[in-house]
Amino acid sequence: MSDFLGFEAGEPLVVTGAGSGIGRALALRAAAVGLSVAAWDLDGDAARACAEEIEAAGGRALALAVDAADRGGCAEAWRRTVAALGPVRLLAAVAGPPSFLRREFSDGVTLAIDCMRVPTESWLEVVDLPERAVVYFSSVQGPRYGAGVPWYTVAKSAIDGYMRAQAALRPGGIRANAVLPDWTLTPRTEPHVSAADGERWEANPMGRVGRAEDQANAALFLLSPAAGYVNGVSLEVDGGARLRSLAWMRMREG
């Protein structure tokens, strides 16, 4: 797989939110194909656990406790990452607040966007390299569907727009794309993916809820040289759920 993807052996990748869920799955998958991984997470212990798992499997990793929305903290994290792993061309911005977090509208929107924007802008200020690639994590609940939480819908739509703005800045900028997951089973979402959601998964052509590895594999491809001419794309990784709805299912049954 690494030969197809075209990564250089040991090439460093920064993953924000690497302590759990999709971020952790992406960090582990990246290490499995030969990348060095800087695991950034607000929870330093979780970041260290991820890095230790990578190293136990023979990989190379660095763990840092980083608030992805803090400009000073991100700038320092970039400097430490480059000192430890070398120049970084790859960034996966995964960290962000969950949709079920109760926040004031403006606070929620600002926090979600800053978790994508701040690591990017710090990267551009600290690391001067050509041919960089970034993947952001938005959600189908933003650009495609409405969510029950207004700040989350608006924030995810804005992240998708921010990605396109970054993609349009080339040459001299970065190649930017976004992964748009639907519901994905992670430790954070598991309590909310209950038996009552069964009809939702039946409406998905794949017949199951998404897994963190599904999102990680998509992100890894978008970051890779194999996707070197893919820029400004919002990739919906939802098992085809957008093609159906509960109303469609009921009409079919009737």
Protein backbone atom coordinates (compact mmCIF):
# COMPACT_ATOMS: atom_id res chain seq x y z
CA MET A 1 0.00 0.00 0.00
CA SER A 2 2.81 2.44 0.83
CA ASP A 3 4.33 1.94 -2.63
CA PHE A 4 1.02 2.89 -4.24
CA LEU A 5 0.54 5.89 -1.97
CA GLY A 6 4.05 7.12 -2.77
CA PHE A 7 5.13 8.39 0.65
CA GLU A 8 8.83 8.59 1.39
CA ALA A 9 9.84 6.21 4.18
CA GLY A 10 9.96 8.05 7.50
CA GLU A 11 8.28 11.19 6.15
CA PRO A 12 6.75 13.08 9.09
CA LEU A 13 3.02 13.69 9.48
CA VAL A 14 1.38 15.83 12.14
CA VAL A 15 -2.01 14.56 13.33
CA THR A 16 -4.03 16.81 15.63
CA GLY A 17 -6.49 15.00 17.86
CA ALA A 18 -4.33 11.86 17.67
CA GLY A 19 -5.21 10.73 21.17
CA SER A 20 -8.47 8.99 20.26
CA GLY A 21 -11.05 8.24 17.60
CA ILE A 22 -10.36 9.15 13.99
CA GLY A 23 -7.14 10.97 14.82
CA ARG A 24 -5.71 7.96 16.61
CA ALA A 25 -6.78 5.61 13.80
CA LEU A 26 -5.09 7.90 11.27
CA ALA A 27 -1.88 8.14 13.31
CA LEU A 28 -1.65 4.35 13.61
CA ARG A 29 -2.46 3.78 9.93
CA ALA A 30 0.13 6.36 8.86
CA ALA A 31 2.78 4.70 10.98
CA ALA A 32 1.83 1.32 9.48
CA VAL A 33 2.67 2.59 5.98
CA GLY A 34 6.03 3.94 7.13
CA LEU A 35 5.42 7.56 8.10
CA SER A 36 6.85 9.17 11.21
CA VAL A 37 3.98 10.58 13.26
CA ALA A 38 3.73 13.60 15.52
CA ALA A 39 0.71 12.82 17.70
CA TRP A 40 -0.76 16.09 18.95
CA ASP A 41 -3.66 16.08 21.38
CA LEU A 42 -5.15 18.27 24.06
CA ASP A 43 -4.85 15.22 26.32
CA GLY A 44 -1.12 14.68 26.63
CA ASP A 45 -1.51 11.22 28.18
CA ALA A 46 -3.65 10.08 25.24
CA ALA A 47 -1.08 11.44 22.78
CA ARG A 48 1.67 9.56 24.58
CA ALA A 49 -0.34 6.33 24.55
CA CYS A 50 -0.76 6.66 20.78
CA ALA A 51 2.95 7.34 20.26
CA GLU A 52 3.92 4.42 22.50
CA GLU A 53 1.72 2.06 20.48
CA ILE A 54 3.39 3.24 17.27
CA GLU A 55 6.86 2.79 18.72
CA ALA A 56 5.99 -0.65 20.13
CA ALA A 57 5.13 -1.71 16.57
CA GLY A 58 8.52 -0.48 15.31
CA GLY A 59 7.46 2.98 14.13
CA ARG A 60 8.70 6.45 14.95
CA ALA A 61 6.51 8.88 16.85
CA LEU A 62 6.49 12.04 18.91
CA ALA A 63 3.77 12.90 21.42
CA LEU A 64 2.87 16.49 22.30
CA ALA A 65 0.13 17.98 24.44
CA VAL A 66 -1.26 20.71 22.17
CA ASP A 67 -4.39 22.84 22.15
CA ALA A 68 -5.12 23.03 18.43
CA ALA A 69 -6.94 26.35 18.88
CA ASP A 70 -4.02 28.06 20.66
CA ARG A 71 -1.72 29.96 18.30
CA GLY A 72 1.28 30.16 20.63
CA GLY A 73 0.99 26.51 21.61
CA CYS A 74 0.74 25.38 17.99
CA ALA A 75 3.74 27.46 16.93
CA GLU A 76 5.84 25.92 19.70
CA ALA A 77 4.56 22.44 18.81
CA TRP A 78 5.61 22.93 15.19
CA ARG A 79 9.10 23.97 16.28
CA ARG A 80 9.43 20.95 18.56
CA THR A 81 8.08 18.62 15.89
CA VAL A 82 10.51 19.85 13.23
CA ALA A 83 13.42 19.60 15.68
CA ALA A 84 12.50 15.98 16.47
CA LEU A 85 11.28 14.62 13.13
CA GLY A 86 12.56 17.02 10.48
CA PRO A 87 10.70 19.31 8.04
CA VAL A 88 6.98 18.54 7.87
CA ARG A 89 5.05 18.58 4.60
CA LEU A 90 1.94 16.74 5.85
CA LEU A 91 -0.80 17.82 8.24
CA ALA A 92 -4.04 16.09 9.23
CA ALA A 93 -6.23 18.52 11.19
CA VAL A 94 -8.61 16.19 13.00
CA ALA A 95 -9.09 17.83 16.41
CA GLY A 96 -12.34 19.69 17.03
CA PRO A 97 -15.31 19.90 19.37
CA PRO A 98 -18.08 17.27 19.09
CA SER A 99 -21.57 18.14 17.86
CA PHE A 100 -23.15 17.18 21.18
CA LEU A 101 -21.05 19.71 23.11
CA ARG A 102 -23.25 22.46 24.52
CA ARG A 103 -21.76 25.83 23.56
CA GLU A 104 -22.89 29.32 22.72
CA PHE A 105 -23.28 29.64 18.95
CA SER A 106 -20.39 32.03 18.32
CA ASP A 107 -18.07 30.20 20.73
CA GLY A 108 -18.75 26.84 19.10
CA VAL A 109 -18.23 28.13 15.57
CA THR A 110 -15.01 29.94 16.51
CA LEU A 111 -13.55 26.96 18.38
CA ALA A 112 -14.28 24.48 15.59
CA ILE A 113 -12.82 26.71 12.90
CA ASP A 114 -9.75 27.65 14.97
CA CYS A 115 -8.91 23.97 15.48
CA MET A 116 -8.36 23.82 11.69
CA ARG A 117 -7.14 27.37 11.03
CA VAL A 118 -4.59 27.84 13.83
CA PRO A 119 -2.46 24.73 13.15
CA THR A 120 -2.43 25.65 9.44
CA GLU A 121 -1.39 29.26 9.92
CA SER A 122 1.26 28.31 12.48
CA TRP A 123 2.57 25.71 10.02
CA LEU A 124 2.85 28.30 7.25
CA GLU A 125 4.70 30.67 9.59
CA VAL A 126 7.14 28.15 11.08
CA VAL A 127 7.79 25.69 8.22
CA ASP A 128 8.81 26.95 4.78
CA LEU A 129 8.51 24.06 2.33
CA PRO A 130 7.00 23.51 -1.12
CA GLU A 131 4.55 20.73 -2.00
CA ARG A 132 2.75 20.53 1.31
CA ALA A 133 -0.53 18.71 1.79
CA VAL A 134 -3.24 19.09 4.41
CA VAL A 135 -6.47 17.26 5.05
CA TYR A 136 -9.19 18.85 7.18
CA PHE A 137 -12.07 17.11 8.87
CA SER A 138 -15.47 18.62 8.21
CA SER A 139 -18.72 16.61 8.31
CA VAL A 140 -21.62 15.74 6.04
CA GLN A 141 -23.72 17.43 8.73
CA GLY A 142 -22.34 20.77 7.59
CA PRO A 143 -22.02 21.23 3.83
CA ARG A 144 -24.49 18.45 2.94
CA TYR A 145 -27.07 18.02 5.70
CA GLY A 146 -28.31 20.13 8.57
CA ALA A 147 -27.53 19.02 12.10
CA GLY A 148 -29.65 19.53 15.18
CA VAL A 149 -26.92 21.78 16.60
CA PRO A 150 -26.74 25.06 14.64
CA TRP A 151 -23.20 26.03 15.63
CA TYR A 152 -21.91 22.63 14.47
CA THR A 153 -23.61 22.85 11.08
CA VAL A 154 -22.28 26.35 10.46
CA ALA A 155 -18.77 25.51 11.69
CA LYS A 156 -18.43 22.41 9.52
CA SER A 157 -19.67 24.33 6.47
CA ALA A 158 -17.10 27.02 7.21
CA ILE A 159 -14.31 24.46 7.53
CA ASP A 160 -15.20 23.13 4.10
CA GLY A 161 -15.00 26.67 2.75
CA TYR A 162 -11.70 27.33 4.52
CA MET A 163 -10.28 24.22 2.85
CA ARG A 164 -11.29 25.49 -0.59
CA ALA A 165 -9.72 28.86 0.13
CA GLN A 166 -6.44 27.19 1.08
CA ALA A 167 -6.57 24.97 -2.02
CA ALA A 168 -7.04 28.01 -4.27
CA LEU A 169 -3.90 29.76 -2.95
CA ARG A 170 -1.53 27.55 -4.94
CA PRO A 171 1.15 27.87 -6.22
CA GLY A 172 3.24 28.61 -3.16
CA GLY A 173 0.57 27.39 -0.76
CA ILE A 174 -0.61 23.94 0.13
CA ARG A 175 -2.65 21.20 -1.49
CA ALA A 176 -5.79 21.07 0.64
CA ASN A 177 -8.69 18.62 0.80
CA ALA A 178 -11.31 17.61 3.34
CA VAL A 179 -12.86 14.40 4.62
CA LEU A 180 -16.58 14.63 5.42
CA PRO A 181 -17.59 11.75 7.68
CA ASP A 182 -21.12 10.77 8.58
CA TRP A 183 -21.66 9.18 11.98
CA THR A 184 -18.47 7.29 12.84
CA LEU A 185 -18.10 4.89 15.73
CA THR A 186 -15.45 6.18 18.15
CA PRO A 187 -15.18 6.21 21.95
CA ARG A 188 -16.61 9.73 21.89
CA THR A 189 -19.63 8.92 19.72
CA GLU A 190 -20.35 5.38 20.95
CA PRO A 191 -22.80 6.49 23.69
CA HIS A 192 -24.79 8.36 21.03
CA VAL A 193 -24.89 5.50 18.50
CA SER A 194 -27.63 3.52 20.19
CA ALA A 195 -30.03 0.80 19.17
CA ALA A 196 -32.54 3.53 18.39
CA ASP A 197 -30.37 4.48 15.42
CA GLY A 198 -30.86 1.10 13.74
CA GLU A 199 -33.09 2.50 10.99
CA ARG A 200 -30.41 5.03 10.16
CA TRP A 201 -27.86 2.31 9.43
CA GLU A 202 -30.41 0.31 7.43
CA ALA A 203 -30.84 3.39 5.24
CA ASN A 204 -27.11 3.33 4.54
CA PRO A 205 -26.31 1.18 1.47
CA MET A 206 -23.35 -0.26 3.39
CA GLY A 207 -25.65 -1.39 6.18
CA ARG A 208 -23.38 -0.26 8.99
CA VAL A 209 -22.06 2.73 10.83
CA GLY A 210 -18.69 4.12 9.76
CA ARG A 211 -15.48 3.14 11.52
CA ALA A 212 -12.56 5.38 12.41
CA GLU A 213 -10.39 3.36 10.03
CA ASP A 214 -12.71 4.23 7.13
CA GLN A 215 -12.02 7.92 7.68
CA ALA A 216 -8.31 7.37 8.33
CA ASN A 217 -7.78 5.51 5.05
CA ALA A 218 -9.52 8.25 3.07
CA ALA A 219 -7.45 10.96 4.72
CA LEU A 220 -4.21 9.07 4.16
CA PHE A 221 -4.95 8.79 0.45
CA LEU A 222 -5.71 12.51 0.15
CA LEU A 223 -2.40 13.35 1.85
CA SER A 224 -0.39 11.00 -0.34
CA PRO A 225 1.52 11.67 -3.56
CA ALA A 226 -0.95 9.26 -5.20
CA ALA A 227 -3.51 12.07 -4.81
CA GLY A 228 -1.03 14.69 -5.97
CA TYR A 229 -3.48 16.25 -8.47
CA VAL A 230 -6.42 16.16 -6.06
CA ASN A 231 -6.95 19.64 -4.63
CA GLY A 232 -9.96 21.39 -3.11
CA VAL A 233 -12.04 18.21 -2.84
CA SER A 234 -14.64 17.46 -0.15
CA LEU A 235 -14.68 13.67 0.10
CA GLU A 236 -17.84 12.29 1.70
CA VAL A 237 -16.96 9.12 3.57
CA ASP A 238 -20.45 8.08 4.59
CA GLY A 239 -21.02 4.67 3.02
CA GLY A 240 -23.39 6.26 0.50
CA ALA A 241 -25.85 7.46 3.15
CA ARG A 242 -26.38 10.68 1.18
CA LEU A 243 -28.01 8.58 -1.56
CA ARG A 244 -30.83 7.44 0.67
CA SER A 245 -33.05 8.63 3.48
CA LEU A 246 -35.49 7.15 5.94
CA ALA A 247 -38.29 8.61 3.84
CA TRP A 248 -36.90 6.78 0.79
CA MET A 249 -36.74 3.53 2.76
CA ARG A 250 -40.34 3.86 3.91
CA MET A 251 -41.53 4.60 0.38
CA ARG A 252 -39.73 1.52 -0.89
CA GLU A 253 -41.29 -0.64 1.80
CA GLY A 254 -44.74 0.80 1.09
